[in-house]
Amino acid sequence: MNPLKLSPPQWRVLRYLAIYSATATRVGFRAPKLRDLTGASPEDLSGLADLGHVTGRLHGTGDAPLRSIVITARAHPKLRIHLTSAGKNAAAPIDAAFRALRHLRTHAPLPVVELQDDVGVGDDTLTELEALGFIEITPICPECHEPAQHDEPSSWTPAWGRPPSWSHLGGEPLCPVVGASGYEPATPTPKDRQIVLTSFGRRYAEPYTRQDQS
């Protein structure tokens, strides 16, 4: 399963365990504390165990951590949650996605290149976030960075020559740039795009603990 399809609390669980991976792998975290910190339910933890991202053990028993314990002892006060190697791997794309969404929550709309410079996320992460409905990526005018549409300007006249393929949302030509024959409307390149956060993506970007705000 794509880890980005997990619920917001499950994102928070894996991110928290990955940050403290040495402790999470060796001795684990108390399940009640983990639920308080992340807002995860026993069912969220059971779902992560079912996927192999976490295992559990009952403190004081000396038993090795098992996936099944998280499910069968989900409400036990002595349940401790351990991070697996699969869980650590799943936390990496979640962390990259969360950094992008958290930044967009404060600064969107934002040009793609600016977001990538600010938080260091790659094209693959953004493509996946858009495909899953977390963000919307739209073209922008290269000069003013206002939204652009792949449509001829409504204000263009034949005397000006062949109409350009792009325009501002209001129908005006894109801002002028110097071309081979003088001034001409700008043409967006693949880098001339901006990102907005969807309502679905905002659910994942909202902070739950002080850690999420850092």
C-alpha atoms as a PDB file:
ATOM      1  CA  MET A   1       0.000   0.000   0.000  1.00  0.00           C
ATOM      2  CA  ASN A   2       1.185   3.499  -0.827  1.00  0.00           C
ATOM      3  CA  PRO A   3       2.047   5.041   2.579  1.00  0.00           C
ATOM      4  CA  LEU A   4       0.671   8.418   1.448  1.00  0.00           C
ATOM      5  CA  LYS A   5      -2.791   6.795   1.440  1.00  0.00           C
ATOM      6  CA  LEU A   6      -2.661   6.253   5.197  1.00  0.00           C
ATOM      7  CA  SER A   7      -4.786   8.412   7.496  1.00  0.00           C
ATOM      8  CA  PRO A   8      -3.468  11.660   9.047  1.00  0.00           C
ATOM      9  CA  PRO A   9      -3.015  10.020  12.487  1.00  0.00           C
ATOM     10  CA  GLN A  10      -1.108   7.146  10.887  1.00  0.00           C
ATOM     11  CA  TRP A  11       1.150   9.659   9.149  1.00  0.00           C
ATOM     12  CA  ARG A  12       1.832  11.242  12.524  1.00  0.00           C
ATOM     13  CA  VAL A  13       2.563   7.883  14.173  1.00  0.00           C
ATOM     14  CA  LEU A  14       5.140   6.872  11.566  1.00  0.00           C
ATOM     15  CA  ARG A  15       6.732  10.322  11.514  1.00  0.00           C
ATOM     16  CA  TYR A  16       7.047  10.366  15.299  1.00  0.00           C
ATOM     17  CA  LEU A  17       8.469   6.846  15.485  1.00  0.00           C
ATOM     18  CA  ALA A  18      10.924   7.596  12.672  1.00  0.00           C
ATOM     19  CA  ILE A  19      12.184  10.741  14.403  1.00  0.00           C
ATOM     20  CA  TYR A  20      12.974   8.641  17.478  1.00  0.00           C
ATOM     21  CA  SER A  21      13.757   5.524  15.467  1.00  0.00           C
ATOM     22  CA  ALA A  22      16.492   4.213  17.776  1.00  0.00           C
ATOM     23  CA  THR A  23      14.115   4.152  20.745  1.00  0.00           C
ATOM     24  CA  ALA A  24      11.127   3.114  18.639  1.00  0.00           C
ATOM     25  CA  THR A  25      13.015   0.131  17.260  1.00  0.00           C
ATOM     26  CA  ARG A  26      14.755  -1.035  20.445  1.00  0.00           C
ATOM     27  CA  VAL A  27      12.373  -0.431  23.359  1.00  0.00           C
ATOM     28  CA  GLY A  28       9.260   0.993  21.705  1.00  0.00           C
ATOM     29  CA  PHE A  29       6.798   3.600  22.922  1.00  0.00           C
ATOM     30  CA  ARG A  30       3.817   3.098  25.169  1.00  0.00           C
ATOM     31  CA  ALA A  31       0.720   2.883  22.996  1.00  0.00           C
ATOM     32  CA  PRO A  32      -1.380   5.220  25.215  1.00  0.00           C
ATOM     33  CA  LYS A  33       1.335   7.895  25.038  1.00  0.00           C
ATOM     34  CA  LEU A  34       1.672   7.443  21.274  1.00  0.00           C
ATOM     35  CA  ARG A  35      -2.076   7.820  20.836  1.00  0.00           C
ATOM     36  CA  ASP A  36      -2.076  10.999  22.939  1.00  0.00           C
ATOM     37  CA  LEU A  37       0.775  12.497  20.923  1.00  0.00           C
ATOM     38  CA  THR A  38      -0.617  11.688  17.496  1.00  0.00           C
ATOM     39  CA  GLY A  39      -4.378  11.392  17.861  1.00  0.00           C
ATOM     40  CA  ALA A  40      -4.210   7.820  16.581  1.00  0.00           C
ATOM     41  CA  SER A  41      -6.871   5.317  17.598  1.00  0.00           C
ATOM     42  CA  PRO A  42      -6.225   1.667  18.480  1.00  0.00           C
ATOM     43  CA  GLU A  43      -7.607   0.868  15.019  1.00  0.00           C
ATOM     44  CA  ASP A  44      -5.017   3.189  13.411  1.00  0.00           C
ATOM     45  CA  LEU A  45      -2.232   1.305  15.176  1.00  0.00           C
ATOM     46  CA  SER A  46      -3.757  -2.043  14.258  1.00  0.00           C
ATOM     47  CA  GLY A  47      -3.871  -0.935  10.626  1.00  0.00           C
ATOM     48  CA  LEU A  48      -0.174  -0.052  10.710  1.00  0.00           C
ATOM     49  CA  ALA A  49       0.608  -3.433  12.256  1.00  0.00           C
ATOM     50  CA  ASP A  50      -1.433  -5.184   9.581  1.00  0.00           C
ATOM     51  CA  LEU A  51       0.746  -3.481   6.961  1.00  0.00           C
ATOM     52  CA  GLY A  52       3.922  -4.498   8.777  1.00  0.00           C
ATOM     53  CA  HIS A  53       4.927  -0.954   9.715  1.00  0.00           C
ATOM     54  CA  VAL A  54       4.821  -1.527  13.483  1.00  0.00           C
ATOM     55  CA  THR A  55       4.940  -4.408  15.929  1.00  0.00           C
ATOM     56  CA  GLY A  56       3.974  -4.591  19.582  1.00  0.00           C
ATOM     57  CA  ARG A  57       4.768  -6.292  22.871  1.00  0.00           C
ATOM     58  CA  LEU A  58       3.403  -6.177  26.397  1.00  0.00           C
ATOM     59  CA  HIS A  59       5.840  -4.448  28.721  1.00  0.00           C
ATOM     60  CA  GLY A  60       7.321  -6.760  31.333  1.00  0.00           C
ATOM     61  CA  THR A  61       6.646 -10.032  29.517  1.00  0.00           C
ATOM     62  CA  GLY A  62      10.029 -10.376  27.837  1.00  0.00           C
ATOM     63  CA  ASP A  63       8.350 -11.472  24.617  1.00  0.00           C
ATOM     64  CA  ALA A  64       9.606 -10.345  21.224  1.00  0.00           C
ATOM     65  CA  PRO A  65       7.531  -7.676  19.427  1.00  0.00           C
ATOM     66  CA  LEU A  66       4.870  -9.118  17.128  1.00  0.00           C
ATOM     67  CA  ARG A  67       2.425  -7.568  14.665  1.00  0.00           C
ATOM     68  CA  SER A  68      -0.418  -9.637  16.105  1.00  0.00           C
ATOM     69  CA  ILE A  69       0.003  -8.192  19.614  1.00  0.00           C
ATOM     70  CA  VAL A  70      -0.888  -4.704  18.339  1.00  0.00           C
ATOM     71  CA  ILE A  71      -4.165  -6.123  17.066  1.00  0.00           C
ATOM     72  CA  THR A  72      -5.115  -8.531  19.859  1.00  0.00           C
ATOM     73  CA  ALA A  73      -3.963  -6.290  22.747  1.00  0.00           C
ATOM     74  CA  ARG A  74      -4.858  -2.950  21.135  1.00  0.00           C
ATOM     75  CA  ALA A  75      -6.374  -1.509  24.345  1.00  0.00           C
ATOM     76  CA  HIS A  76      -3.901  -3.010  26.812  1.00  0.00           C
ATOM     77  CA  PRO A  77      -2.269  -0.293  28.979  1.00  0.00           C
ATOM     78  CA  LYS A  78       1.123  -2.045  28.822  1.00  0.00           C
ATOM     79  CA  LEU A  79       1.238  -2.298  25.033  1.00  0.00           C
ATOM     80  CA  ARG A  80       4.428  -0.880  23.550  1.00  0.00           C
ATOM     81  CA  ILE A  81       4.742  -0.033  19.862  1.00  0.00           C
ATOM     82  CA  HIS A  82       7.928  -0.747  17.908  1.00  0.00           C
ATOM     83  CA  LEU A  83       8.888   0.617  14.483  1.00  0.00           C
ATOM     84  CA  THR A  84       9.857  -1.929  11.830  1.00  0.00           C
ATOM     85  CA  SER A  85      12.248  -1.410   8.932  1.00  0.00           C
ATOM     86  CA  ALA A  86       9.227  -1.332   6.615  1.00  0.00           C
ATOM     87  CA  GLY A  87       7.687   1.357   8.794  1.00  0.00           C
ATOM     88  CA  LYS A  88      10.864   3.398   8.683  1.00  0.00           C
ATOM     89  CA  ASN A  89      10.896   3.153   4.888  1.00  0.00           C
ATOM     90  CA  ALA A  90       7.234   4.213   4.749  1.00  0.00           C
ATOM     91  CA  ALA A  91       7.939   7.213   6.978  1.00  0.00           C
ATOM     92  CA  ALA A  92      10.426   8.718   4.499  1.00  0.00           C
ATOM     93  CA  PRO A  93       7.934   9.649   1.718  1.00  0.00           C
ATOM     94  CA  ILE A  94       5.393  10.660   4.366  1.00  0.00           C
ATOM     95  CA  ASP A  95       7.879  13.087   5.893  1.00  0.00           C
ATOM     96  CA  ALA A  96       8.695  14.632   2.495  1.00  0.00           C
ATOM     97  CA  ALA A  97       4.989  14.987   1.718  1.00  0.00           C
ATOM     98  CA  PHE A  98       4.225  16.483   5.129  1.00  0.00           C
ATOM     99  CA  ARG A  99       6.990  19.076   4.800  1.00  0.00           C
ATOM    100  CA  ALA A 100       5.530  20.196   1.477  1.00  0.00           C
ATOM    101  CA  LEU A 101       1.936  20.308   2.752  1.00  0.00           C
ATOM    102  CA  ARG A 102       2.900  22.093   5.967  1.00  0.00           C
ATOM    103  CA  HIS A 103       4.739  24.781   3.988  1.00  0.00           C
ATOM    104  CA  LEU A 104       1.836  25.193   1.595  1.00  0.00           C
ATOM    105  CA  ARG A 105      -0.570  25.525   4.521  1.00  0.00           C
ATOM    106  CA  THR A 106       1.156  28.794   5.423  1.00  0.00           C
ATOM    107  CA  HIS A 107       2.448  30.086   2.075  1.00  0.00           C
ATOM    108  CA  ALA A 108       0.204  28.759  -0.733  1.00  0.00           C
ATOM    109  CA  PRO A 109      -0.332  29.533  -3.515  1.00  0.00           C
ATOM    110  CA  LEU A 110       3.342  29.142  -4.276  1.00  0.00           C
ATOM    111  CA  PRO A 111       5.387  28.635  -7.465  1.00  0.00           C
ATOM    112  CA  VAL A 112       6.629  25.063  -7.766  1.00  0.00           C
ATOM    113  CA  VAL A 113      10.278  26.076  -7.947  1.00  0.00           C
ATOM    114  CA  GLU A 114       9.928  28.198  -4.818  1.00  0.00           C
ATOM    115  CA  LEU A 115       8.380  25.342  -2.846  1.00  0.00           C
ATOM    116  CA  GLN A 116      11.133  22.991  -3.984  1.00  0.00           C
ATOM    117  CA  ASP A 117      13.804  25.490  -2.977  1.00  0.00           C
ATOM    118  CA  ASP A 118      12.161  26.061   0.406  1.00  0.00           C
ATOM    119  CA  VAL A 119      11.576  22.474   1.518  1.00  0.00           C
ATOM    120  CA  GLY A 120      13.634  20.342  -0.885  1.00  0.00           C
ATOM    121  CA  VAL A 121      10.887  18.114  -2.305  1.00  0.00           C
ATOM    122  CA  GLY A 122      11.301  16.510  -5.709  1.00  0.00           C
ATOM    123  CA  ASP A 123       9.046  16.363  -8.744  1.00  0.00           C
ATOM    124  CA  ASP A 124       8.058  12.763  -7.953  1.00  0.00           C
ATOM    125  CA  THR A 125       6.650  13.757  -4.560  1.00  0.00           C
ATOM    126  CA  LEU A 126       4.647  16.632  -6.035  1.00  0.00           C
ATOM    127  CA  THR A 127       3.336  14.470  -8.883  1.00  0.00           C
ATOM    128  CA  GLU A 128       2.135  11.883  -6.391  1.00  0.00           C
ATOM    129  CA  LEU A 129       0.566  14.475  -4.090  1.00  0.00           C
ATOM    130  CA  GLU A 130      -1.333  15.921  -7.043  1.00  0.00           C
ATOM    131  CA  ALA A 131      -2.499  12.483  -8.227  1.00  0.00           C
ATOM    132  CA  LEU A 132      -3.817  11.675  -4.738  1.00  0.00           C
ATOM    133  CA  GLY A 133      -5.665  14.979  -4.420  1.00  0.00           C
ATOM    134  CA  PHE A 134      -3.520  16.702  -1.792  1.00  0.00           C
ATOM    135  CA  ILE A 135      -2.565  19.612  -4.046  1.00  0.00           C
ATOM    136  CA  GLU A 136      -3.497  21.243  -7.337  1.00  0.00           C
ATOM    137  CA  ILE A 137      -0.782  22.377  -9.757  1.00  0.00           C
ATOM    138  CA  THR A 138      -1.727  25.008 -12.318  1.00  0.00           C
ATOM    139  CA  PRO A 139       0.258  27.005 -14.917  1.00  0.00           C
ATOM    140  CA  ILE A 140       1.203  30.612 -14.206  1.00  0.00           C
ATOM    141  CA  CYS A 141       2.436  33.586 -16.207  1.00  0.00           C
ATOM    142  CA  PRO A 142       6.261  33.507 -16.139  1.00  0.00           C
ATOM    143  CA  GLU A 143       6.421  37.263 -15.496  1.00  0.00           C
ATOM    144  CA  CYS A 144       3.697  38.161 -12.967  1.00  0.00           C
ATOM    145  CA  HIS A 145       3.133  34.622 -11.581  1.00  0.00           C
ATOM    146  CA  GLU A 146      -0.635  35.034 -11.864  1.00  0.00           C
ATOM    147  CA  PRO A 147      -2.657  31.961 -12.966  1.00  0.00           C
ATOM    148  CA  ALA A 148      -2.614  31.235 -16.701  1.00  0.00           C
ATOM    149  CA  GLN A 149      -4.883  29.200 -18.969  1.00  0.00           C
ATOM    150  CA  HIS A 150      -4.129  27.275 -22.150  1.00  0.00           C
ATOM    151  CA  ASP A 151      -6.514  29.383 -24.196  1.00  0.00           C
ATOM    152  CA  GLU A 152      -6.136  32.210 -26.703  1.00  0.00           C
ATOM    153  CA  PRO A 153      -6.599  35.737 -25.314  1.00  0.00           C
ATOM    154  CA  SER A 154     -10.118  37.037 -25.785  1.00  0.00           C
ATOM    155  CA  SER A 155      -8.780  40.573 -26.294  1.00  0.00           C
ATOM    156  CA  TRP A 156      -6.479  39.656 -29.213  1.00  0.00           C
ATOM    157  CA  THR A 157      -7.023  41.273 -32.618  1.00  0.00           C
ATOM    158  CA  PRO A 158      -5.882  39.898 -36.024  1.00  0.00           C
ATOM    159  CA  ALA A 159      -3.784  43.011 -36.625  1.00  0.00           C
ATOM    160  CA  TRP A 160      -1.393  41.826 -33.927  1.00  0.00           C
ATOM    161  CA  GLY A 161      -0.632  38.607 -35.794  1.00  0.00           C
ATOM    162  CA  ARG A 162      -1.223  35.012 -34.802  1.00  0.00           C
ATOM    163  CA  PRO A 163      -2.812  34.770 -31.346  1.00  0.00           C
ATOM    164  CA  PRO A 164      -0.769  33.132 -28.582  1.00  0.00           C
ATOM    165  CA  SER A 165      -1.917  29.873 -27.037  1.00  0.00           C
ATOM    166  CA  TRP A 166      -1.899  31.173 -23.448  1.00  0.00           C
ATOM    167  CA  SER A 167      -3.686  33.926 -21.586  1.00  0.00           C
ATOM    168  CA  HIS A 168      -4.481  35.196 -18.093  1.00  0.00           C
ATOM    169  CA  LEU A 169      -7.701  33.883 -16.555  1.00  0.00           C
ATOM    170  CA  GLY A 170      -9.417  37.153 -17.432  1.00  0.00           C
ATOM    171  CA  GLY A 171      -8.644  36.656 -21.119  1.00  0.00           C
ATOM    172  CA  GLU A 172      -5.779  39.132 -21.355  1.00  0.00           C
ATOM    173  CA  PRO A 173      -2.520  38.076 -23.047  1.00  0.00           C
ATOM    174  CA  LEU A 174       0.271  36.986 -20.742  1.00  0.00           C
ATOM    175  CA  CYS A 175       2.784  39.627 -19.762  1.00  0.00           C
ATOM    176  CA  PRO A 176       5.149  40.788 -22.520  1.00  0.00           C
ATOM    177  CA  VAL A 177       8.710  39.564 -22.897  1.00  0.00           C
ATOM    178  CA  VAL A 178      11.368  40.335 -25.503  1.00  0.00           C
ATOM    179  CA  GLY A 179      11.302  37.724 -28.260  1.00  0.00           C
ATOM    180  CA  ALA A 180      12.945  37.288 -31.656  1.00  0.00           C
ATOM    181  CA  SER A 181      10.706  39.932 -33.221  1.00  0.00           C
ATOM    182  CA  GLY A 182      10.425  42.315 -30.298  1.00  0.00           C
ATOM    183  CA  TYR A 183       7.875  42.223 -27.514  1.00  0.00           C
ATOM    184  CA  GLU A 184       5.525  39.249 -27.433  1.00  0.00           C
ATOM    185  CA  PRO A 185       3.362  37.534 -24.789  1.00  0.00           C
ATOM    186  CA  ALA A 186       5.229  35.168 -22.520  1.00  0.00           C
ATOM    187  CA  THR A 187       4.782  31.413 -22.855  1.00  0.00           C
ATOM    188  CA  PRO A 188       4.769  29.224 -19.707  1.00  0.00           C
ATOM    189  CA  THR A 189       7.379  26.496 -19.445  1.00  0.00           C
ATOM    190  CA  PRO A 190       7.001  23.307 -17.357  1.00  0.00           C
ATOM    191  CA  LYS A 191       8.598  25.205 -14.458  1.00  0.00           C
ATOM    192  CA  ASP A 192       6.009  27.985 -14.590  1.00  0.00           C
ATOM    193  CA  ARG A 193       3.456  26.355 -12.306  1.00  0.00           C
ATOM    194  CA  GLN A 194       1.978  27.156  -8.929  1.00  0.00           C
ATOM    195  CA  ILE A 195       0.672  24.899  -6.187  1.00  0.00           C
ATOM    196  CA  VAL A 196      -2.399  25.293  -4.018  1.00  0.00           C
ATOM    197  CA  LEU A 197      -3.417  23.095  -1.112  1.00  0.00           C
ATOM    198  CA  THR A 198      -6.751  21.289  -1.446  1.00  0.00           C
ATOM    199  CA  SER A 199      -9.155  20.859   1.456  1.00  0.00           C
ATOM    200  CA  PHE A 200      -8.126  17.191   1.537  1.00  0.00           C
ATOM    201  CA  GLY A 201      -4.454  18.138   1.703  1.00  0.00           C
ATOM    202  CA  ARG A 202      -5.146  20.652   4.470  1.00  0.00           C
ATOM    203  CA  ARG A 203      -6.421  17.820   6.678  1.00  0.00           C
ATOM    204  CA  TYR A 204      -2.933  16.300   6.527  1.00  0.00           C
ATOM    205  CA  ALA A 205      -1.135  19.629   6.963  1.00  0.00           C
ATOM    206  CA  GLU A 206      -2.927  20.734  10.135  1.00  0.00           C
ATOM    207  CA  PRO A 207      -0.605  20.480  13.160  1.00  0.00           C
ATOM    208  CA  TYR A 208      -1.614  18.157  15.966  1.00  0.00           C
ATOM    209  CA  THR A 209       1.322  18.600  18.368  1.00  0.00           C
ATOM    210  CA  ARG A 210       4.090  21.122  18.896  1.00  0.00           C
ATOM    211  CA  GLN A 211       6.327  18.753  16.988  1.00  0.00           C
ATOM    212  CA  ASP A 212       4.189  19.212  13.853  1.00  0.00           C
ATOM    213  CA  GLN A 213       4.640  22.972  14.122  1.00  0.00           C
ATOM    214  CA  SER A 214       8.433  22.821  14.202  1.00  0.00           C
END
